[in-house]
Amino acid sequence: MIRTVLAAALFVTAPALASAPAWADAPARSAPTKAERTMIATVDAEQARHLALLEKLVNQNSGTRNLAGVRAVHDMLVPEFEALGFTVRWVDQSAVGRAGHFIAEHRGKPGTKRLLLIGHLDTVFELDHPFQKFERISADKAKGPGVADDKGGVVAMLAALRAMHKAGTLKDANIEVVLTGDEEEAGLPLSIARADLVAAGKRADAALDFEGLSQENGKDMGSIARRSAGNWKVTVTARSGHSSGIFSDKAGEGAIYPLAQILAAFRKELPEPNLTFNVGMVTGGSSAAIAPSGANAEATGKSNIIPAVAIAMGDLRALSPESIARTEARMRDIVARPFNGGEAKLEFEDKYPPMAPTEGNRALLAKLNSVNATLGLEPMAALDPLKRGAGDISFVAADVDSLVGLGPASSGDHTADETVDIPSLWRQAKRAALLMTRLSREPAVKR
């Protein structure tokens, strides 16, 4: 959704949060149950199977705009989930120019918690990108498009579910899986593109996101918050003419000076905790335009012509709706300040909402740390939300307790150096299997 107000503006980053403190009250270690020992052993025993599946998925291009490729990844996953007792359906998204979503449901014991597992089928690497194939580069590392983000996450999810199936704990679990086909570049309007995910969030009692595991100083971190992601654009229009008359009452000051002043005011007046604001592109001259894709711009002009138009665009990320509202109000005030010889227009485009660090999310991390104690792993502290981008789980976080980062650790995401840490796949699958088993036995939340 695009919202327009009279204004002109641009912005950059705010001060970072202090690092999240280490987990203070680590749970006491408890021995795994018989079923948990079976899950742990199953993940280890099936490593070769799941690495082969990961290679198969990675070698199928599924760039967001490769609609056939996204559907092909869906088709590869259908038998994997159906073999575990899931009913799978495809939600077509051609209305928003995207392939569609993979949704699978497993019905278990009535009255117990319903879990929502979130991931995605698509990658940022389209058919024309040179980075196309899975490559094993060492015993512990593999490269490839989506090898971590998020095909590695989907494989970790499946490995956990297969371990639960082997141990007999999946039978009674109520689980819904939503793998979107356009996480990397969501279709618009979002009211259509994310309708099924939002509906699933309203049905769920806990949401687990299988995007990548965050690490800090070599330690695994838990993510209980993500910031929003939205776009803005400022367009300044002014009188043009010969540059010899600039700054006069008749000629005005052109479009570029006022835009620069607005951007400087944004940088000085907008910062607050957990807020960042970036200027991604600026153009201006006698004529100027930013392409509808937002990926390039063009302008014409000369040094002796007063510029008639100047445009800036960027993004805005915050941790709460209140922070977004405050920031946008300040931007409007700044953009509305008068200048000689023209006017400015400010547009906002809403994209990903924020996922606030709620008490329910903290409780989920505490339960994950109980699992870590059982597995003999270190407790995981909460990651500073400034260190994680936006994601699909934010669309459900207002309705359900949520935890992010159950996929594998990696490096080079969104580049041709995307590399997955293979041992983290098995560590994450074990964590997820035990956590989902324990959560699935809890009573459903009364609404």
Protein backbone atom coordinates (compact mmCIF):
# COMPACT_ATOMS: atom_id res chain seq x y z
CA MET A 1 0.00 0.00 0.00
CA ILE A 2 1.40 3.42 -1.00
CA ARG A 3 0.47 6.48 1.04
CA THR A 4 1.20 10.02 -0.17
CA VAL A 5 1.55 13.29 1.77
CA LEU A 6 2.81 16.74 0.81
CA ALA A 7 6.52 16.82 1.63
CA ALA A 8 10.12 16.17 0.56
CA ALA A 9 12.65 13.94 2.35
CA LEU A 10 15.34 11.31 2.77
CA PHE A 11 17.11 9.51 5.61
CA VAL A 12 19.89 7.28 6.96
CA THR A 13 20.75 5.13 9.99
CA ALA A 14 20.12 5.65 13.68
CA PRO A 15 22.36 4.64 16.57
CA ALA A 16 22.67 0.90 17.18
CA LEU A 17 21.41 -0.86 20.28
CA ALA A 18 23.81 -2.19 22.83
CA SER A 19 24.55 -5.89 22.42
CA ALA A 20 21.98 -8.25 23.90
CA PRO A 21 23.10 -9.56 27.30
CA ALA A 22 24.05 -13.20 27.73
CA TRP A 23 21.30 -15.54 28.92
CA ALA A 24 21.26 -15.12 32.67
CA ASP A 25 19.33 -18.10 34.00
CA ALA A 26 20.43 -21.17 32.07
CA PRO A 27 18.09 -24.16 32.58
CA ALA A 28 19.49 -27.15 34.42
CA ARG A 29 20.50 -30.00 32.14
CA SER A 30 18.00 -32.87 31.93
CA ALA A 31 18.57 -36.24 30.29
CA PRO A 32 16.72 -36.78 27.00
CA THR A 33 13.69 -39.06 27.07
CA LYS A 34 13.58 -42.25 25.02
CA ALA A 35 11.69 -40.46 22.24
CA GLU A 36 14.16 -37.59 22.32
CA ARG A 37 17.09 -40.00 22.03
CA THR A 38 15.38 -41.51 18.98
CA MET A 39 14.97 -38.06 17.40
CA ILE A 40 18.60 -37.16 18.01
CA ALA A 41 19.80 -40.45 16.53
CA THR A 42 17.47 -40.14 13.52
CA VAL A 43 18.80 -36.71 12.57
CA ASP A 44 22.35 -38.08 12.68
CA ALA A 45 21.47 -41.23 10.75
CA GLU A 46 19.74 -39.34 7.93
CA GLN A 47 22.35 -36.68 7.25
CA ALA A 48 23.29 -38.06 3.82
CA ARG A 49 19.63 -38.26 2.80
CA HIS A 50 18.96 -34.66 3.73
CA LEU A 51 22.15 -33.33 2.12
CA ALA A 52 21.11 -35.05 -1.10
CA LEU A 53 17.69 -33.39 -0.86
CA LEU A 54 19.33 -30.02 -0.23
CA GLU A 55 21.50 -30.42 -3.33
CA LYS A 56 18.43 -31.32 -5.41
CA LEU A 57 16.50 -28.27 -4.18
CA VAL A 58 19.43 -25.89 -4.68
CA ASN A 59 20.04 -27.09 -8.23
CA GLN A 60 16.48 -26.14 -9.16
CA ASN A 61 16.49 -22.38 -9.75
CA SER A 62 13.64 -20.73 -7.87
CA GLY A 63 14.31 -17.02 -8.16
CA THR A 64 11.19 -15.19 -7.08
CA ARG A 65 10.29 -14.23 -10.64
CA ASN A 66 10.97 -17.73 -11.99
CA LEU A 67 7.39 -18.84 -11.39
CA ALA A 68 7.88 -22.28 -12.92
CA GLY A 69 11.01 -22.83 -10.83
CA VAL A 70 9.26 -21.92 -7.58
CA ARG A 71 6.46 -24.35 -8.45
CA ALA A 72 9.06 -27.03 -9.24
CA VAL A 73 10.55 -26.73 -5.74
CA HIS A 74 7.02 -27.08 -4.36
CA ASP A 75 6.57 -30.26 -6.41
CA MET A 76 9.81 -31.71 -5.00
CA LEU A 77 8.63 -31.11 -1.44
CA VAL A 78 5.08 -32.47 -1.76
CA PRO A 79 6.04 -36.18 -1.46
CA GLU A 80 8.40 -35.42 1.44
CA PHE A 81 5.59 -33.93 3.51
CA GLU A 82 2.87 -36.31 2.35
CA ALA A 83 5.02 -39.25 3.49
CA LEU A 84 4.83 -37.78 7.01
CA GLY A 85 1.03 -37.55 6.98
CA PHE A 86 0.65 -33.93 5.89
CA THR A 87 -2.07 -32.78 3.54
CA VAL A 88 -0.49 -30.38 1.05
CA ARG A 89 -2.14 -27.65 -1.03
CA TRP A 90 -0.87 -25.04 -3.46
CA VAL A 91 -2.14 -21.45 -3.17
CA ASP A 92 -1.84 -19.77 -6.56
CA GLN A 93 -0.54 -16.19 -6.47
CA SER A 94 -0.78 -15.23 -10.14
CA ALA A 95 -3.03 -12.32 -9.12
CA VAL A 96 0.04 -10.60 -7.62
CA GLY A 97 2.52 -11.75 -10.26
CA ARG A 98 4.04 -14.54 -8.16
CA ALA A 99 4.00 -18.33 -8.34
CA GLY A 100 2.24 -19.32 -5.14
CA HIS A 101 2.62 -20.75 -1.65
CA PHE A 102 3.15 -24.27 -0.29
CA ILE A 103 0.81 -25.01 2.63
CA ALA A 104 0.79 -28.33 4.48
CA GLU A 105 -1.29 -29.41 7.47
CA HIS A 106 -0.85 -32.24 9.95
CA ARG A 107 -3.78 -32.92 12.27
CA GLY A 108 -2.98 -34.37 15.67
CA LYS A 109 -4.53 -34.59 19.10
CA PRO A 110 -7.43 -32.17 19.66
CA GLY A 111 -6.93 -29.50 22.30
CA THR A 112 -3.15 -29.29 21.99
CA LYS A 113 -1.07 -26.41 20.67
CA ARG A 114 -1.16 -25.74 16.95
CA LEU A 115 2.31 -24.96 15.60
CA LEU A 116 2.98 -22.80 12.54
CA LEU A 117 6.27 -23.47 10.72
CA ILE A 118 7.40 -20.76 8.29
CA GLY A 119 9.93 -20.81 5.46
CA HIS A 120 10.11 -19.99 1.76
CA LEU A 121 10.62 -21.62 -1.62
CA ASP A 122 12.18 -18.73 -3.53
CA THR A 123 15.68 -17.26 -3.64
CA VAL A 124 17.13 -13.92 -4.77
CA PHE A 125 18.99 -15.58 -7.65
CA GLU A 126 17.00 -15.43 -10.90
CA LEU A 127 17.57 -17.52 -14.03
CA ASP A 128 20.02 -15.03 -15.52
CA HIS A 129 22.32 -15.05 -12.46
CA PRO A 130 25.58 -17.02 -12.86
CA PHE A 131 25.20 -18.56 -9.36
CA GLN A 132 23.07 -21.65 -10.05
CA LYS A 133 24.51 -24.87 -8.61
CA PHE A 134 25.18 -26.69 -5.33
CA GLU A 135 28.87 -27.15 -4.55
CA ARG A 136 30.35 -29.09 -1.64
CA ILE A 137 33.48 -27.14 -0.74
CA SER A 138 34.54 -29.06 2.41
CA ALA A 139 33.24 -31.58 4.90
CA ASP A 140 31.45 -28.82 6.80
CA LYS A 141 30.60 -26.30 4.07
CA ALA A 142 28.53 -26.15 0.89
CA LYS A 143 27.76 -23.28 -1.47
CA GLY A 144 24.77 -22.62 -3.67
CA PRO A 145 21.80 -20.33 -4.32
CA GLY A 146 19.47 -20.73 -1.37
CA VAL A 147 21.67 -23.38 0.24
CA ALA A 148 20.89 -21.64 3.53
CA ASP A 149 18.26 -19.00 2.68
CA ASP A 150 15.96 -20.80 2.71
CA LYS A 151 16.32 -24.24 1.19
CA GLY A 152 18.65 -25.13 4.05
CA GLY A 153 15.95 -23.97 6.45
CA VAL A 154 13.34 -26.13 4.73
CA VAL A 155 15.66 -29.16 4.93
CA ALA A 156 16.25 -28.52 8.66
CA MET A 157 12.47 -28.40 9.09
CA LEU A 158 11.98 -31.67 7.23
CA ALA A 159 14.81 -33.39 9.12
CA ALA A 160 13.15 -32.40 12.40
CA LEU A 161 9.72 -33.61 11.26
CA ARG A 162 11.16 -36.91 10.02
CA ALA A 163 12.86 -37.38 13.38
CA MET A 164 9.55 -36.75 15.16
CA HIS A 165 7.84 -39.24 12.84
CA LYS A 166 10.46 -41.90 13.61
CA ALA A 167 10.09 -41.31 17.36
CA GLY A 168 6.28 -41.37 17.22
CA THR A 169 5.88 -37.80 18.47
CA LEU A 170 4.58 -36.37 15.20
CA LYS A 171 1.41 -38.48 15.33
CA ASP A 172 -0.32 -36.27 17.93
CA ALA A 173 1.14 -32.93 16.78
CA ASN A 174 -1.01 -30.22 15.19
CA ILE A 175 1.27 -28.50 12.68
CA GLU A 176 0.71 -26.16 9.76
CA VAL A 177 3.56 -25.35 7.37
CA VAL A 178 3.59 -22.23 5.18
CA LEU A 179 6.42 -21.90 2.65
CA THR A 180 5.88 -18.69 0.71
CA GLY A 181 6.94 -18.42 -2.91
CA ASP A 182 7.88 -14.75 -2.78
CA GLU A 183 9.62 -13.98 0.52
CA GLU A 184 12.55 -12.34 -1.23
CA GLU A 185 10.33 -10.02 -3.28
CA ALA A 186 6.75 -10.12 -2.06
CA GLY A 187 3.91 -9.67 -4.51
CA LEU A 188 1.68 -6.62 -4.18
CA PRO A 189 -0.73 -5.88 -2.70
CA LEU A 190 0.43 -7.60 0.47
CA SER A 191 -3.19 -7.96 1.54
CA ILE A 192 -3.41 -10.69 -1.11
CA ALA A 193 0.17 -11.97 -1.10
CA ARG A 194 0.20 -12.62 2.67
CA ALA A 195 -3.47 -13.36 3.33
CA ASP A 196 -2.94 -17.12 3.78
CA LEU A 197 0.05 -16.63 6.08
CA VAL A 198 -1.85 -14.13 8.22
CA ALA A 199 -4.80 -16.53 8.46
CA ALA A 200 -2.47 -19.35 9.52
CA GLY A 201 -1.01 -17.11 12.23
CA LYS A 202 -4.47 -16.48 13.65
CA ARG A 203 -5.03 -20.25 13.90
CA ALA A 204 -1.68 -20.96 15.57
CA ASP A 205 -0.53 -21.04 19.19
CA ALA A 206 3.20 -20.73 18.41
CA ALA A 207 5.12 -19.79 15.23
CA LEU A 208 8.61 -21.03 14.40
CA ASP A 209 10.54 -19.45 11.53
CA PHE A 210 13.10 -21.62 9.73
CA GLU A 211 15.22 -18.86 8.25
CA GLY A 212 18.90 -18.80 9.18
CA LEU A 213 20.45 -19.14 12.61
CA SER A 214 22.12 -15.94 13.81
CA GLN A 215 25.50 -16.15 15.50
CA GLU A 216 27.57 -13.66 17.46
CA ASN A 217 31.20 -14.21 18.43
CA GLY A 218 30.80 -17.84 17.40
CA LYS A 219 27.78 -18.40 19.64
CA ASP A 220 24.28 -19.37 18.45
CA MET A 221 21.69 -16.67 19.19
CA GLY A 222 17.92 -16.73 19.58
CA SER A 223 15.80 -14.20 17.68
CA ILE A 224 12.66 -12.96 19.39
CA ALA A 225 12.26 -9.71 17.42
CA ARG A 226 12.55 -8.40 13.86
CA ARG A 227 12.19 -4.87 12.66
CA SER A 228 9.77 -3.68 10.02
CA ALA A 229 10.70 -2.85 6.44
CA GLY A 230 8.98 -0.11 4.45
CA ASN A 231 9.89 2.24 1.63
CA TRP A 232 9.58 5.98 1.12
CA LYS A 233 10.08 8.35 -1.80
CA VAL A 234 10.43 12.12 -1.86
CA THR A 235 9.81 14.12 -5.03
CA VAL A 236 10.70 17.82 -5.10
CA THR A 237 9.52 19.95 -8.02
CA ALA A 238 10.60 23.55 -8.62
CA ARG A 239 10.84 26.32 -11.24
CA SER A 240 13.56 25.86 -13.80
CA GLY A 241 15.52 28.53 -15.64
CA HIS A 242 18.99 29.92 -16.28
CA SER A 243 21.41 29.24 -13.43
CA SER A 244 22.44 32.90 -13.26
CA GLY A 245 19.15 33.67 -11.53
CA ILE A 246 19.25 30.97 -8.86
CA PHE A 247 18.32 32.05 -5.31
CA SER A 248 16.43 35.09 -6.56
CA ASP A 249 12.79 35.52 -5.56
CA LYS A 250 11.77 35.01 -9.18
CA ALA A 251 13.88 31.93 -9.98
CA GLY A 252 13.86 30.19 -6.61
CA GLU A 253 16.48 27.69 -5.56
CA GLY A 254 15.64 24.73 -7.77
CA ALA A 255 14.76 21.21 -6.60
CA ILE A 256 18.08 19.74 -5.50
CA TYR A 257 18.98 22.16 -2.70
CA PRO A 258 15.65 21.69 -0.88
CA LEU A 259 15.95 17.91 -1.18
CA ALA A 260 19.45 18.04 0.29
CA GLN A 261 18.17 20.14 3.18
CA ILE A 262 15.38 17.66 3.84
CA LEU A 263 17.79 14.75 3.87
CA ALA A 264 20.12 16.54 6.25
CA ALA A 265 17.20 17.29 8.57
CA PHE A 266 16.16 13.64 8.50
CA ARG A 267 19.63 12.53 9.48
CA LYS A 268 19.69 14.97 12.38
CA GLU A 269 16.11 14.79 13.66
CA LEU A 270 14.84 11.24 13.11
CA PRO A 271 17.16 8.93 15.09
CA GLU A 272 15.77 6.92 18.02
CA PRO A 273 16.56 3.43 19.41
CA ASN A 274 16.07 0.49 17.03
CA LEU A 275 15.34 2.78 14.08
CA THR A 276 17.29 2.83 10.84
CA PHE A 277 16.52 4.81 7.70
CA ASN A 278 18.48 4.51 4.50
CA VAL A 279 18.75 6.65 1.37
CA GLY A 280 19.02 4.12 -1.44
CA MET A 281 18.97 6.36 -4.52
CA VAL A 282 18.95 10.07 -5.43
CA THR A 283 18.46 11.68 -8.84
CA GLY A 284 17.72 15.18 -10.09
CA GLY A 285 18.02 17.65 -12.94
CA SER A 286 15.92 19.30 -15.63
CA SER A 287 14.09 15.98 -15.74
CA ALA A 288 14.49 12.92 -13.53
CA ALA A 289 12.74 9.64 -12.79
CA ILE A 290 13.26 6.44 -10.81
CA ALA A 291 12.18 3.28 -12.63
CA PRO A 292 9.08 1.46 -11.31
CA SER A 293 11.34 -1.43 -10.26
CA GLY A 294 13.27 0.93 -7.98
CA ALA A 295 16.51 -0.50 -9.35
CA ASN A 296 17.70 2.39 -11.54
CA ALA A 297 17.17 6.08 -12.30
CA GLU A 298 17.72 8.57 -15.10
CA ALA A 299 18.12 12.33 -15.31
CA THR A 300 18.90 15.11 -17.78
CA GLY A 301 20.32 18.55 -17.12
CA LYS A 302 23.25 20.93 -17.41
CA SER A 303 25.37 22.89 -15.01
CA ASN A 304 23.76 26.14 -16.15
CA ILE A 305 20.12 25.01 -15.79
CA ILE A 306 18.24 25.25 -12.49
CA PRO A 307 17.00 21.70 -11.75
CA ALA A 308 13.24 21.28 -11.97
CA VAL A 309 12.96 17.95 -10.17
CA ALA A 310 14.85 15.94 -7.55
CA ILE A 311 13.88 12.52 -6.20
CA ALA A 312 15.17 10.41 -3.32
CA MET A 313 14.06 6.97 -2.18
CA GLY A 314 15.00 4.64 0.65
CA ASP A 315 13.73 2.36 3.38
CA LEU A 316 12.65 2.62 7.01
CA ARG A 317 12.99 -0.08 9.69
CA ALA A 318 11.65 0.05 13.24
CA LEU A 319 10.74 -2.29 16.10
CA SER A 320 7.20 -1.10 16.83
CA PRO A 321 4.23 0.51 15.09
CA GLU A 322 4.57 3.45 17.49
CA SER A 323 8.14 4.07 16.35
CA ILE A 324 7.05 3.96 12.72
CA ALA A 325 4.23 6.42 13.40
CA ARG A 326 6.54 8.84 15.24
CA THR A 327 9.14 8.72 12.50
CA GLU A 328 6.67 9.24 9.70
CA ALA A 329 5.13 12.20 11.56
CA ARG A 330 8.57 13.82 11.91
CA MET A 331 9.26 13.20 8.23
CA ARG A 332 6.00 14.88 7.26
CA ASP A 333 6.85 17.90 9.39
CA ILE A 334 10.30 18.20 7.84
CA VAL A 335 9.02 17.80 4.30
CA ALA A 336 6.30 20.39 4.85
CA ARG A 337 8.82 23.15 5.65
CA PRO A 338 8.57 25.85 2.96
CA PHE A 339 11.27 26.68 0.46
CA ASN A 340 11.57 29.20 -2.35
CA GLY A 341 10.05 28.22 -5.67
CA GLY A 342 8.52 24.76 -5.43
CA GLU A 343 6.92 21.97 -3.42
CA ALA A 344 7.67 18.46 -2.20
CA LYS A 345 5.69 15.21 -2.06
CA LEU A 346 6.38 12.32 0.32
CA GLU A 347 5.14 8.77 -0.31
CA PHE A 348 5.28 5.75 2.01
CA GLU A 349 4.99 2.12 0.95
CA ASP A 350 4.16 -0.34 3.74
CA LYS A 351 5.89 -3.72 3.43
CA TYR A 352 6.91 -5.86 6.41
CA PRO A 353 5.45 -5.03 9.85
CA PRO A 354 7.64 -5.24 12.97
CA MET A 355 7.89 -8.26 15.26
CA ALA A 356 8.16 -6.88 18.78
CA PRO A 357 10.13 -8.69 21.54
CA THR A 358 7.09 -9.82 23.56
CA GLU A 359 7.00 -11.83 26.77
CA GLY A 360 5.49 -14.71 24.81
CA ASN A 361 8.46 -14.68 22.44
CA ARG A 362 10.85 -14.64 25.39
CA ALA A 363 9.01 -17.63 26.85
CA LEU A 364 9.54 -19.54 23.58
CA LEU A 365 13.26 -18.79 23.73
CA ALA A 366 13.31 -20.05 27.33
CA LYS A 367 11.75 -23.32 26.14
CA LEU A 368 14.35 -23.57 23.40
CA ASN A 369 17.03 -23.10 26.03
CA SER A 370 15.54 -26.01 27.98
CA VAL A 371 16.03 -28.05 24.80
CA ASN A 372 19.60 -26.77 24.57
CA ALA A 373 20.19 -27.98 28.13
CA THR A 374 18.92 -31.44 27.19
CA LEU A 375 21.18 -31.51 24.12
CA GLY A 376 24.18 -30.32 26.11
CA LEU A 377 24.35 -27.08 24.12
CA GLU A 378 25.03 -23.59 25.44
CA PRO A 379 22.01 -21.40 26.19
CA MET A 380 21.13 -18.88 23.49
CA ALA A 381 20.88 -15.17 24.30
CA ALA A 382 18.38 -12.93 22.51
CA LEU A 383 19.81 -11.31 19.38
CA ASP A 384 19.81 -7.53 19.09
CA PRO A 385 17.03 -6.85 16.53
CA LEU A 386 19.29 -4.33 14.78
CA LYS A 387 21.28 -7.33 13.59
CA ARG A 388 18.45 -9.04 11.72
CA GLY A 389 16.37 -7.98 8.74
CA ALA A 390 12.65 -8.25 8.13
CA GLY A 391 10.89 -11.51 7.31
CA ASP A 392 7.59 -13.30 6.81
CA ILE A 393 7.10 -14.15 10.48
CA SER A 394 6.43 -10.47 11.12
CA PHE A 395 3.03 -10.87 9.41
CA VAL A 396 1.88 -13.24 12.18
CA ALA A 397 3.83 -11.97 15.19
CA ALA A 398 1.03 -9.66 16.36
CA ASP A 399 -1.26 -12.70 16.71
CA VAL A 400 0.98 -15.49 18.00
CA ASP A 401 4.12 -16.08 20.10
CA SER A 402 7.00 -16.33 17.64
CA LEU A 403 10.62 -17.42 17.40
CA VAL A 404 12.99 -16.79 14.49
CA GLY A 405 16.13 -18.52 13.23
CA LEU A 406 15.60 -22.30 13.29
CA GLY A 407 17.38 -22.67 9.94
CA PRO A 408 21.13 -23.28 9.57
CA ALA A 409 24.00 -20.89 10.13
CA SER A 410 25.54 -19.42 6.99
CA SER A 411 27.64 -16.69 5.44
CA GLY A 412 27.40 -14.67 2.24
CA ASP A 413 23.61 -14.78 2.01
CA HIS A 414 22.22 -12.92 -1.03
CA THR A 415 25.62 -13.13 -2.74
CA ALA A 416 27.35 -15.65 -4.97
CA ASP A 417 29.28 -16.74 -1.86
CA GLU A 418 26.22 -18.04 0.02
CA THR A 419 27.64 -20.86 2.16
CA VAL A 420 25.88 -23.11 4.66
CA ASP A 421 27.48 -24.49 7.79
CA ILE A 422 26.52 -28.17 7.44
CA PRO A 423 26.88 -29.23 11.12
CA SER A 424 24.46 -26.44 12.09
CA LEU A 425 21.78 -28.14 9.94
CA TRP A 426 21.80 -31.15 12.25
CA ARG A 427 22.06 -29.04 15.41
CA GLN A 428 19.06 -27.00 14.33
CA ALA A 429 17.03 -30.06 13.28
CA LYS A 430 17.57 -31.63 16.72
CA ARG A 431 16.60 -28.41 18.48
CA ALA A 432 13.48 -28.07 16.36
CA ALA A 433 12.40 -31.70 16.78
CA LEU A 434 12.61 -31.56 20.56
CA LEU A 435 11.06 -28.10 20.79
CA MET A 436 8.15 -28.96 18.50
CA THR A 437 7.52 -32.21 20.37
CA ARG A 438 7.40 -30.43 23.72
CA LEU A 439 5.24 -27.57 22.45
CA SER A 440 2.83 -29.92 20.69
CA ARG A 441 2.01 -31.59 24.00
CA GLU A 442 0.98 -28.35 25.69
CA PRO A 443 -2.69 -27.37 25.85
CA ALA A 444 -3.95 -25.04 23.14
CA VAL A 445 -4.24 -21.38 23.98
CA LYS A 446 -7.79 -20.40 24.82
CA ARG A 447 -9.08 -17.51 22.70
